[in-house]
Amino acid sequence: MTRRVLGRGLSALLSDSAATTASEDFLEIDIDLIEPSSVQPRTHFDEQRLEELAQSIRSNGIVQPVLVRRRGGRYQLIAGERRWRAAQRAGLQRIPAVVREIPDDKLLELALIENIQRQELNAIEEAQAYKRLIETLGLTQETVAQRVGRDRSFITNYLRLLRLPEDIQHLLSEEKLTAGHARALLGVDDEEIQRKVARNIIEQSLSVRETERAIKRIIAGANPSQATMPAQKRDDPNVRSAEGKLRRRFGTQVRVIQSPTGTGGKIEIEYYSDSDLHRIYQLLSGEQEVASA
């Protein structure tokens, strides 16, 4: 399998920016002197995962420094806001940081790529970040795709998610729906039908494939309530917990499907592009560890 690199990466962006003429400083900075970036593409921080990271920091400290730039007598985050927030929870007074002089026109691109590399953006945050790159920097979808190492069709599909009603976008932000579910919902134009199907996806734990089949039945004239067939009930909390952990591990939709006898089953892992497949392959094969916090 040919390896694909995510865009130019943070190191390349940093090296070819105006920052190359400035020295790089590694400092222990007063945590209260750091403020979040106004262009941070990530807006949702899972409380449980923040607390888990805070506990890890209490036990082991911060493994990787945050990236900041100077702003007067203070510092502005470029990358590592989740670590900074968790460090605050952990009670740290100072935090290790790399200081770089980054121009404004590089901030959004750096923040976006850092979050994508760490698989920390939900689908709506990622879509909004692509939109901001296009509108703020005047980039084409093709250029954005090249910058972040995605296929152009991937960028196009994510931007389409922003056409969904805000309440469905909120479900995506809360990761109650996946990008695959959302793309299936875009197969119908009626927002009320989209909402009904979205509720059924959550209530019945429909997979993306089941959702796509339901949308096809609706387009063919079926009633939305009848079109969504109930999925197999999975009441075992251990199964639900395993699914959640696997989704976080692989950054995509994962289903644990038990056999009718309860003695076996299968695990389905979904991917949405060649680069997505390669990323999951690396995780499964052990060639790539899960990104650090």
C-alpha atoms as a PDB file:
ATOM      1  CA  MET A   1       0.000   0.000   0.000  1.00  0.00           C
ATOM      2  CA  THR A   2       1.460   3.359  -1.044  1.00  0.00           C
ATOM      3  CA  ARG A   3       1.928   5.703   1.856  1.00  0.00           C
ATOM      4  CA  ARG A   4       0.165   9.064   1.675  1.00  0.00           C
ATOM      5  CA  VAL A   5       1.366  11.985   3.764  1.00  0.00           C
ATOM      6  CA  LEU A   6      -1.134  14.437   5.204  1.00  0.00           C
ATOM      7  CA  GLY A   7      -0.459  17.539   3.149  1.00  0.00           C
ATOM      8  CA  ARG A   8       2.854  19.199   3.765  1.00  0.00           C
ATOM      9  CA  GLY A   9       2.593  18.587   7.501  1.00  0.00           C
ATOM     10  CA  LEU A  10       3.275  20.960  10.371  1.00  0.00           C
ATOM     11  CA  SER A  11       7.055  20.781  10.062  1.00  0.00           C
ATOM     12  CA  ALA A  12       6.959  21.727   6.378  1.00  0.00           C
ATOM     13  CA  LEU A  13       4.564  24.602   6.982  1.00  0.00           C
ATOM     14  CA  LEU A  14       6.719  25.898   9.805  1.00  0.00           C
ATOM     15  CA  SER A  15       9.964  25.582   7.853  1.00  0.00           C
ATOM     16  CA  ASP A  16       8.739  27.356   4.729  1.00  0.00           C
ATOM     17  CA  SER A  17       7.050  30.196   6.621  1.00  0.00           C
ATOM     18  CA  ALA A  18       8.604  33.461   7.635  1.00  0.00           C
ATOM     19  CA  ALA A  19       9.407  31.764  10.936  1.00  0.00           C
ATOM     20  CA  THR A  20      12.500  30.137   9.463  1.00  0.00           C
ATOM     21  CA  THR A  21      14.520  33.262  10.104  1.00  0.00           C
ATOM     22  CA  ALA A  22      13.549  33.382  13.753  1.00  0.00           C
ATOM     23  CA  SER A  23      15.033  31.235  16.481  1.00  0.00           C
ATOM     24  CA  GLU A  24      12.932  28.519  18.029  1.00  0.00           C
ATOM     25  CA  ASP A  25      12.636  28.712  21.800  1.00  0.00           C
ATOM     26  CA  PHE A  26      11.590  25.932  24.162  1.00  0.00           C
ATOM     27  CA  LEU A  27      10.222  27.482  27.349  1.00  0.00           C
ATOM     28  CA  GLU A  28       8.285  26.724  30.496  1.00  0.00           C
ATOM     29  CA  ILE A  29       5.541  29.351  30.300  1.00  0.00           C
ATOM     30  CA  ASP A  30       3.141  30.526  32.995  1.00  0.00           C
ATOM     31  CA  ILE A  31      -0.104  28.846  31.974  1.00  0.00           C
ATOM     32  CA  ASP A  32      -2.107  32.032  32.674  1.00  0.00           C
ATOM     33  CA  LEU A  33      -0.062  33.926  30.074  1.00  0.00           C
ATOM     34  CA  ILE A  34      -1.343  31.694  27.266  1.00  0.00           C
ATOM     35  CA  GLU A  35      -4.605  32.398  25.464  1.00  0.00           C
ATOM     36  CA  PRO A  36      -6.425  30.314  22.824  1.00  0.00           C
ATOM     37  CA  SER A  37      -6.261  31.207  19.165  1.00  0.00           C
ATOM     38  CA  SER A  38      -9.195  32.989  17.557  1.00  0.00           C
ATOM     39  CA  VAL A  39      -8.816  30.746  14.482  1.00  0.00           C
ATOM     40  CA  GLN A  40      -8.841  27.440  16.351  1.00  0.00           C
ATOM     41  CA  PRO A  41     -10.994  25.130  14.184  1.00  0.00           C
ATOM     42  CA  ARG A  42     -11.911  22.965  17.152  1.00  0.00           C
ATOM     43  CA  THR A  43     -14.891  24.220  19.156  1.00  0.00           C
ATOM     44  CA  HIS A  44     -16.007  21.070  21.024  1.00  0.00           C
ATOM     45  CA  PHE A  45     -13.887  19.483  23.749  1.00  0.00           C
ATOM     46  CA  ASP A  46     -15.207  16.238  25.207  1.00  0.00           C
ATOM     47  CA  GLU A  47     -15.376  16.631  28.993  1.00  0.00           C
ATOM     48  CA  GLN A  48     -14.599  13.010  29.777  1.00  0.00           C
ATOM     49  CA  ARG A  49     -11.577  12.905  27.478  1.00  0.00           C
ATOM     50  CA  LEU A  50     -10.321  16.208  28.892  1.00  0.00           C
ATOM     51  CA  GLU A  51     -10.536  14.790  32.403  1.00  0.00           C
ATOM     52  CA  GLU A  52      -8.740  11.604  31.305  1.00  0.00           C
ATOM     53  CA  LEU A  53      -5.944  13.686  29.792  1.00  0.00           C
ATOM     54  CA  ALA A  54      -5.765  15.843  32.923  1.00  0.00           C
ATOM     55  CA  GLN A  55      -5.340  12.701  35.029  1.00  0.00           C
ATOM     56  CA  SER A  56      -2.573  11.505  32.701  1.00  0.00           C
ATOM     57  CA  ILE A  57      -0.836  14.877  33.016  1.00  0.00           C
ATOM     58  CA  ARG A  58      -1.055  14.688  36.817  1.00  0.00           C
ATOM     59  CA  SER A  59       0.661  11.302  36.693  1.00  0.00           C
ATOM     60  CA  ASN A  60       3.127  11.733  33.834  1.00  0.00           C
ATOM     61  CA  GLY A  61       3.352  15.420  33.021  1.00  0.00           C
ATOM     62  CA  ILE A  62       3.014  16.802  29.484  1.00  0.00           C
ATOM     63  CA  VAL A  63       4.814  14.605  26.964  1.00  0.00           C
ATOM     64  CA  GLN A  64       4.653  17.024  24.029  1.00  0.00           C
ATOM     65  CA  PRO A  65       4.879  20.822  24.369  1.00  0.00           C
ATOM     66  CA  VAL A  66       2.249  23.147  22.960  1.00  0.00           C
ATOM     67  CA  LEU A  67       3.077  25.487  20.086  1.00  0.00           C
ATOM     68  CA  VAL A  68       2.635  29.223  20.686  1.00  0.00           C
ATOM     69  CA  ARG A  69       3.577  32.616  19.284  1.00  0.00           C
ATOM     70  CA  ARG A  70       4.349  35.810  21.204  1.00  0.00           C
ATOM     71  CA  ARG A  71       1.681  38.490  21.483  1.00  0.00           C
ATOM     72  CA  GLY A  72       3.055  41.434  23.453  1.00  0.00           C
ATOM     73  CA  GLY A  73       3.801  40.148  26.924  1.00  0.00           C
ATOM     74  CA  ARG A  74       1.531  37.118  26.424  1.00  0.00           C
ATOM     75  CA  TYR A  75       1.381  34.058  24.173  1.00  0.00           C
ATOM     76  CA  GLN A  76      -1.211  32.794  21.690  1.00  0.00           C
ATOM     77  CA  LEU A  77      -1.772  29.092  21.101  1.00  0.00           C
ATOM     78  CA  ILE A  78      -1.116  27.737  17.632  1.00  0.00           C
ATOM     79  CA  ALA A  79      -1.429  24.032  18.435  1.00  0.00           C
ATOM     80  CA  GLY A  80      -2.198  22.061  21.584  1.00  0.00           C
ATOM     81  CA  GLU A  81      -5.298  23.689  23.071  1.00  0.00           C
ATOM     82  CA  ARG A  82      -6.571  20.382  24.477  1.00  0.00           C
ATOM     83  CA  ARG A  83      -3.268  19.849  26.318  1.00  0.00           C
ATOM     84  CA  TRP A  84      -3.422  23.437  27.615  1.00  0.00           C
ATOM     85  CA  ARG A  85      -6.997  23.004  28.876  1.00  0.00           C
ATOM     86  CA  ALA A  86      -6.165  19.660  30.491  1.00  0.00           C
ATOM     87  CA  ALA A  87      -3.053  21.137  32.113  1.00  0.00           C
ATOM     88  CA  GLN A  88      -5.232  23.824  33.685  1.00  0.00           C
ATOM     89  CA  ARG A  89      -7.520  21.119  35.070  1.00  0.00           C
ATOM     90  CA  ALA A  90      -4.513  19.229  36.375  1.00  0.00           C
ATOM     91  CA  GLY A  91      -3.464  22.305  38.360  1.00  0.00           C
ATOM     92  CA  LEU A  92      -0.214  23.009  36.511  1.00  0.00           C
ATOM     93  CA  GLN A  93       1.197  26.501  36.952  1.00  0.00           C
ATOM     94  CA  ARG A  94       3.578  26.299  33.983  1.00  0.00           C
ATOM     95  CA  ILE A  95       3.501  24.394  30.708  1.00  0.00           C
ATOM     96  CA  PRO A  96       6.266  23.447  28.225  1.00  0.00           C
ATOM     97  CA  ALA A  97       5.919  25.329  24.941  1.00  0.00           C
ATOM     98  CA  VAL A  98       7.733  25.835  21.659  1.00  0.00           C
ATOM     99  CA  VAL A  99       7.678  29.505  20.653  1.00  0.00           C
ATOM    100  CA  ARG A 100       7.564  30.344  16.953  1.00  0.00           C
ATOM    101  CA  GLU A 101       6.892  33.591  15.134  1.00  0.00           C
ATOM    102  CA  ILE A 102       4.033  32.618  12.827  1.00  0.00           C
ATOM    103  CA  PRO A 103       2.340  35.141  10.497  1.00  0.00           C
ATOM    104  CA  ASP A 104      -1.418  35.532  10.647  1.00  0.00           C
ATOM    105  CA  ASP A 105      -1.984  34.002   7.207  1.00  0.00           C
ATOM    106  CA  LYS A 106      -0.474  30.699   8.366  1.00  0.00           C
ATOM    107  CA  LEU A 107      -2.385  30.348  11.635  1.00  0.00           C
ATOM    108  CA  LEU A 108      -5.577  28.719  10.370  1.00  0.00           C
ATOM    109  CA  GLU A 109      -3.742  26.288   8.110  1.00  0.00           C
ATOM    110  CA  LEU A 110      -1.394  25.247  10.913  1.00  0.00           C
ATOM    111  CA  ALA A 111      -4.222  24.784  13.406  1.00  0.00           C
ATOM    112  CA  LEU A 112      -6.295  22.791  10.915  1.00  0.00           C
ATOM    113  CA  ILE A 113      -3.496  20.437   9.935  1.00  0.00           C
ATOM    114  CA  GLU A 114      -2.445  19.900  13.553  1.00  0.00           C
ATOM    115  CA  ASN A 115      -5.985  18.925  14.525  1.00  0.00           C
ATOM    116  CA  ILE A 116      -6.455  16.671  11.494  1.00  0.00           C
ATOM    117  CA  GLN A 117      -3.171  14.892  12.179  1.00  0.00           C
ATOM    118  CA  ARG A 118      -4.354  14.246  15.722  1.00  0.00           C
ATOM    119  CA  GLN A 119      -7.831  13.248  14.492  1.00  0.00           C
ATOM    120  CA  GLU A 120      -9.369  15.686  16.980  1.00  0.00           C
ATOM    121  CA  LEU A 121     -11.905  17.538  14.841  1.00  0.00           C
ATOM    122  CA  ASN A 122     -15.468  16.360  14.529  1.00  0.00           C
ATOM    123  CA  ALA A 123     -16.999  16.371  11.043  1.00  0.00           C
ATOM    124  CA  ILE A 124     -18.624  19.809  11.335  1.00  0.00           C
ATOM    125  CA  GLU A 125     -15.517  21.451  12.785  1.00  0.00           C
ATOM    126  CA  GLU A 126     -13.479  20.013   9.915  1.00  0.00           C
ATOM    127  CA  ALA A 127     -16.022  21.192   7.323  1.00  0.00           C
ATOM    128  CA  GLN A 128     -16.110  24.685   8.833  1.00  0.00           C
ATOM    129  CA  ALA A 129     -12.309  24.819   8.836  1.00  0.00           C
ATOM    130  CA  TYR A 130     -12.186  23.966   5.125  1.00  0.00           C
ATOM    131  CA  LYS A 131     -14.778  26.663   4.470  1.00  0.00           C
ATOM    132  CA  ARG A 132     -12.706  29.204   6.406  1.00  0.00           C
ATOM    133  CA  LEU A 133      -9.573  28.304   4.418  1.00  0.00           C
ATOM    134  CA  ILE A 134     -11.482  28.891   1.192  1.00  0.00           C
ATOM    135  CA  GLU A 135     -13.152  32.130   2.285  1.00  0.00           C
ATOM    136  CA  THR A 136     -10.330  33.643   4.359  1.00  0.00           C
ATOM    137  CA  LEU A 137      -7.368  32.749   2.163  1.00  0.00           C
ATOM    138  CA  GLY A 138      -9.215  32.683  -1.154  1.00  0.00           C
ATOM    139  CA  LEU A 139      -8.208  29.077  -1.854  1.00  0.00           C
ATOM    140  CA  THR A 140      -9.927  26.693  -4.236  1.00  0.00           C
ATOM    141  CA  GLN A 141     -11.170  23.286  -3.087  1.00  0.00           C
ATOM    142  CA  GLU A 142      -8.348  21.712  -5.098  1.00  0.00           C
ATOM    143  CA  THR A 143      -5.727  23.831  -3.307  1.00  0.00           C
ATOM    144  CA  VAL A 144      -7.220  23.081   0.106  1.00  0.00           C
ATOM    145  CA  ALA A 145      -7.131  19.364  -0.732  1.00  0.00           C
ATOM    146  CA  GLN A 146      -3.440  19.622  -1.622  1.00  0.00           C
ATOM    147  CA  ARG A 147      -2.634  21.627   1.513  1.00  0.00           C
ATOM    148  CA  VAL A 148      -4.209  19.117   3.904  1.00  0.00           C
ATOM    149  CA  GLY A 149      -3.456  15.909   1.996  1.00  0.00           C
ATOM    150  CA  ARG A 150      -7.026  14.984   1.129  1.00  0.00           C
ATOM    151  CA  ASP A 151      -8.777  14.137  -2.114  1.00  0.00           C
ATOM    152  CA  ARG A 152     -10.750  16.985  -3.656  1.00  0.00           C
ATOM    153  CA  SER A 153     -13.916  14.864  -3.450  1.00  0.00           C
ATOM    154  CA  PHE A 154     -13.294  14.511   0.299  1.00  0.00           C
ATOM    155  CA  ILE A 155     -13.243  18.308   0.706  1.00  0.00           C
ATOM    156  CA  THR A 156     -16.363  18.682  -1.445  1.00  0.00           C
ATOM    157  CA  ASN A 157     -18.268  16.059   0.564  1.00  0.00           C
ATOM    158  CA  TYR A 158     -17.340  17.689   3.876  1.00  0.00           C
ATOM    159  CA  LEU A 159     -18.392  21.139   2.694  1.00  0.00           C
ATOM    160  CA  ARG A 160     -21.773  19.676   1.716  1.00  0.00           C
ATOM    161  CA  LEU A 161     -22.348  18.780   5.385  1.00  0.00           C
ATOM    162  CA  LEU A 162     -22.802  22.490   6.104  1.00  0.00           C
ATOM    163  CA  ARG A 163     -25.999  22.407   4.013  1.00  0.00           C
ATOM    164  CA  LEU A 164     -27.696  20.252   6.654  1.00  0.00           C
ATOM    165  CA  PRO A 165     -30.055  21.863   9.221  1.00  0.00           C
ATOM    166  CA  GLU A 166     -28.262  23.242  12.263  1.00  0.00           C
ATOM    167  CA  ASP A 167     -29.824  20.694  14.633  1.00  0.00           C
ATOM    168  CA  ILE A 168     -28.436  17.830  12.528  1.00  0.00           C
ATOM    169  CA  GLN A 169     -25.050  19.574  12.384  1.00  0.00           C
ATOM    170  CA  HIS A 170     -25.208  19.681  16.184  1.00  0.00           C
ATOM    171  CA  LEU A 171     -25.714  15.891  16.271  1.00  0.00           C
ATOM    172  CA  LEU A 172     -22.603  15.565  14.114  1.00  0.00           C
ATOM    173  CA  SER A 173     -20.664  17.833  16.469  1.00  0.00           C
ATOM    174  CA  GLU A 174     -21.716  15.625  19.381  1.00  0.00           C
ATOM    175  CA  GLU A 175     -20.619  12.584  17.338  1.00  0.00           C
ATOM    176  CA  LYS A 176     -24.082  11.036  17.588  1.00  0.00           C
ATOM    177  CA  LEU A 177     -23.999  10.877  13.779  1.00  0.00           C
ATOM    178  CA  THR A 178     -20.990  10.225  11.548  1.00  0.00           C
ATOM    179  CA  ALA A 179     -20.023  12.025   8.367  1.00  0.00           C
ATOM    180  CA  GLY A 180     -21.149   8.920   6.479  1.00  0.00           C
ATOM    181  CA  HIS A 181     -24.631   9.148   7.989  1.00  0.00           C
ATOM    182  CA  ALA A 182     -24.776  12.846   7.145  1.00  0.00           C
ATOM    183  CA  ARG A 183     -23.789  12.299   3.520  1.00  0.00           C
ATOM    184  CA  ALA A 184     -26.590   9.755   3.234  1.00  0.00           C
ATOM    185  CA  LEU A 185     -29.088  12.284   4.651  1.00  0.00           C
ATOM    186  CA  LEU A 186     -28.104  14.738   1.927  1.00  0.00           C
ATOM    187  CA  GLY A 187     -29.705  12.319  -0.522  1.00  0.00           C
ATOM    188  CA  VAL A 188     -33.072  13.898   0.324  1.00  0.00           C
ATOM    189  CA  ASP A 189     -33.801  17.634   0.229  1.00  0.00           C
ATOM    190  CA  ASP A 190     -36.683  17.739   2.711  1.00  0.00           C
ATOM    191  CA  GLU A 191     -35.285  18.903   6.069  1.00  0.00           C
ATOM    192  CA  GLU A 192     -38.093  17.299   8.079  1.00  0.00           C
ATOM    193  CA  ILE A 193     -37.381  13.925   6.466  1.00  0.00           C
ATOM    194  CA  GLN A 194     -33.693  14.436   7.215  1.00  0.00           C
ATOM    195  CA  ARG A 195     -34.565  15.060  10.870  1.00  0.00           C
ATOM    196  CA  LYS A 196     -36.820  11.986  11.099  1.00  0.00           C
ATOM    197  CA  VAL A 197     -34.176   9.728   9.596  1.00  0.00           C
ATOM    198  CA  ALA A 198     -31.488  11.259  11.850  1.00  0.00           C
ATOM    199  CA  ARG A 199     -33.586  10.436  14.925  1.00  0.00           C
ATOM    200  CA  ASN A 200     -34.051   6.869  13.693  1.00  0.00           C
ATOM    201  CA  ILE A 201     -30.314   6.495  13.069  1.00  0.00           C
ATOM    202  CA  ILE A 202     -29.649   7.320  16.714  1.00  0.00           C
ATOM    203  CA  GLU A 203     -32.576   5.416  18.235  1.00  0.00           C
ATOM    204  CA  GLN A 204     -32.014   2.281  16.161  1.00  0.00           C
ATOM    205  CA  SER A 205     -28.198   2.443  15.896  1.00  0.00           C
ATOM    206  CA  LEU A 206     -28.382   2.314  12.107  1.00  0.00           C
ATOM    207  CA  SER A 207     -25.128   1.852  10.225  1.00  0.00           C
ATOM    208  CA  VAL A 208     -24.220   4.079   7.284  1.00  0.00           C
ATOM    209  CA  ARG A 209     -25.160   1.294   4.855  1.00  0.00           C
ATOM    210  CA  GLU A 210     -28.549   0.817   6.536  1.00  0.00           C
ATOM    211  CA  THR A 211     -29.102   4.574   6.356  1.00  0.00           C
ATOM    212  CA  GLU A 212     -28.220   4.646   2.667  1.00  0.00           C
ATOM    213  CA  ARG A 213     -30.704   1.854   1.979  1.00  0.00           C
ATOM    214  CA  ALA A 214     -33.389   3.713   3.941  1.00  0.00           C
ATOM    215  CA  ILE A 215     -32.769   6.900   1.939  1.00  0.00           C
ATOM    216  CA  LYS A 216     -33.107   4.944  -1.322  1.00  0.00           C
ATOM    217  CA  ARG A 217     -36.463   3.558  -0.120  1.00  0.00           C
ATOM    218  CA  ILE A 218     -37.628   7.078   0.788  1.00  0.00           C
ATOM    219  CA  ILE A 219     -36.622   8.417  -2.624  1.00  0.00           C
ATOM    220  CA  ALA A 220     -38.590   5.541  -4.151  1.00  0.00           C
ATOM    221  CA  GLY A 221     -41.662   6.707  -2.227  1.00  0.00           C
ATOM    222  CA  ALA A 222     -41.557   4.850   1.088  1.00  0.00           C
ATOM    223  CA  ASN A 223     -42.702   6.475   4.327  1.00  0.00           C
ATOM    224  CA  PRO A 224     -39.627   7.621   6.346  1.00  0.00           C
ATOM    225  CA  SER A 225     -40.815   5.770   9.468  1.00  0.00           C
ATOM    226  CA  GLN A 226     -41.235   2.524   7.536  1.00  0.00           C
ATOM    227  CA  ALA A 227     -38.086   2.959   5.466  1.00  0.00           C
ATOM    228  CA  THR A 228     -35.741   2.747   8.454  1.00  0.00           C
ATOM    229  CA  MET A 229     -35.687  -0.880   9.472  1.00  0.00           C
ATOM    230  CA  PRO A 230     -34.880  -1.565  13.127  1.00  0.00           C
ATOM    231  CA  ALA A 231     -31.323  -2.660  13.633  1.00  0.00           C
ATOM    232  CA  GLN A 232     -30.427  -5.590  15.828  1.00  0.00           C
ATOM    233  CA  LYS A 233     -30.778  -4.546  19.458  1.00  0.00           C
ATOM    234  CA  ARG A 234     -27.520  -4.374  21.333  1.00  0.00           C
ATOM    235  CA  ASP A 235     -28.364  -3.987  24.994  1.00  0.00           C
ATOM    236  CA  ASP A 236     -25.066  -5.312  26.349  1.00  0.00           C
ATOM    237  CA  PRO A 237     -23.304  -2.265  27.881  1.00  0.00           C
ATOM    238  CA  ASN A 238     -19.943  -3.959  27.304  1.00  0.00           C
ATOM    239  CA  VAL A 239     -20.625  -4.043  23.566  1.00  0.00           C
ATOM    240  CA  ARG A 240     -21.600  -0.370  23.512  1.00  0.00           C
ATOM    241  CA  SER A 241     -18.508   0.513  25.536  1.00  0.00           C
ATOM    242  CA  ALA A 242     -16.285  -1.466  23.164  1.00  0.00           C
ATOM    243  CA  GLU A 243     -17.814   0.314  20.177  1.00  0.00           C
ATOM    244  CA  GLY A 244     -17.161   3.706  21.746  1.00  0.00           C
ATOM    245  CA  LYS A 245     -13.531   2.881  22.474  1.00  0.00           C
ATOM    246  CA  LEU A 246     -12.998   1.544  18.960  1.00  0.00           C
ATOM    247  CA  ARG A 247     -14.595   4.662  17.423  1.00  0.00           C
ATOM    248  CA  ARG A 248     -12.235   6.876  19.394  1.00  0.00           C
ATOM    249  CA  ARG A 249      -9.284   4.652  18.530  1.00  0.00           C
ATOM    250  CA  PHE A 250      -9.884   4.671  14.777  1.00  0.00           C
ATOM    251  CA  GLY A 251     -11.604   8.035  14.450  1.00  0.00           C
ATOM    252  CA  THR A 252     -14.474   6.600  12.413  1.00  0.00           C
ATOM    253  CA  GLN A 253     -17.750   4.681  12.688  1.00  0.00           C
ATOM    254  CA  VAL A 254     -17.282   1.194  14.191  1.00  0.00           C
ATOM    255  CA  ARG A 255     -20.009  -1.388  14.819  1.00  0.00           C
ATOM    256  CA  VAL A 256     -19.749  -4.543  16.906  1.00  0.00           C
ATOM    257  CA  ILE A 257     -22.383  -6.927  15.543  1.00  0.00           C
ATOM    258  CA  GLN A 258     -23.202  -9.972  17.655  1.00  0.00           C
ATOM    259  CA  SER A 259     -24.396 -13.190  16.085  1.00  0.00           C
ATOM    260  CA  PRO A 260     -27.933 -14.412  16.953  1.00  0.00           C
ATOM    261  CA  THR A 261     -26.403 -17.188  19.078  1.00  0.00           C
ATOM    262  CA  GLY A 262     -24.328 -14.700  21.083  1.00  0.00           C
ATOM    263  CA  THR A 263     -21.186 -16.804  20.613  1.00  0.00           C
ATOM    264  CA  GLY A 264     -19.473 -14.643  18.021  1.00  0.00           C
ATOM    265  CA  GLY A 265     -19.970 -11.788  15.610  1.00  0.00           C
ATOM    266  CA  LYS A 266     -18.045  -9.285  13.554  1.00  0.00           C
ATOM    267  CA  ILE A 267     -16.593  -5.792  13.735  1.00  0.00           C
ATOM    268  CA  GLU A 268     -17.265  -3.295  10.937  1.00  0.00           C
ATOM    269  CA  ILE A 269     -14.892  -0.340  10.476  1.00  0.00           C
ATOM    270  CA  GLU A 270     -15.909   2.296   7.943  1.00  0.00           C
ATOM    271  CA  TYR A 271     -13.599   4.513   5.883  1.00  0.00           C
ATOM    272  CA  TYR A 272     -14.365   7.356   3.491  1.00  0.00           C
ATOM    273  CA  SER A 273     -11.278   7.857   1.306  1.00  0.00           C
ATOM    274  CA  ASP A 274      -8.017   6.199   0.288  1.00  0.00           C
ATOM    275  CA  SER A 275      -6.092   8.240   2.843  1.00  0.00           C
ATOM    276  CA  ASP A 276      -8.618   7.264   5.530  1.00  0.00           C
ATOM    277  CA  LEU A 277      -8.128   3.584   4.646  1.00  0.00           C
ATOM    278  CA  HIS A 278      -4.362   3.971   4.838  1.00  0.00           C
ATOM    279  CA  ARG A 279      -4.602   5.649   8.266  1.00  0.00           C
ATOM    280  CA  ILE A 280      -6.788   2.823   9.630  1.00  0.00           C
ATOM    281  CA  TYR A 281      -4.504   0.219   8.069  1.00  0.00           C
ATOM    282  CA  GLN A 282      -1.526   1.745   9.861  1.00  0.00           C
ATOM    283  CA  LEU A 283      -3.354   1.638  13.190  1.00  0.00           C
ATOM    284  CA  LEU A 284      -4.424  -1.981  12.686  1.00  0.00           C
ATOM    285  CA  SER A 285      -0.996  -3.133  11.517  1.00  0.00           C
ATOM    286  CA  GLY A 286       0.855  -1.349  14.310  1.00  0.00           C
ATOM    287  CA  GLU A 287       2.808   0.832  11.873  1.00  0.00           C
ATOM    288  CA  GLN A 288       1.389   3.960  13.492  1.00  0.00           C
ATOM    289  CA  GLU A 289       0.550   4.588  17.119  1.00  0.00           C
ATOM    290  CA  VAL A 290      -2.508   6.623  18.057  1.00  0.00           C
ATOM    291  CA  ALA A 291      -1.556  10.304  18.082  1.00  0.00           C
ATOM    292  CA  SER A 292      -0.467  11.603  21.456  1.00  0.00           C
ATOM    293  CA  ALA A 293      -2.563  14.115  23.292  1.00  0.00           C
END
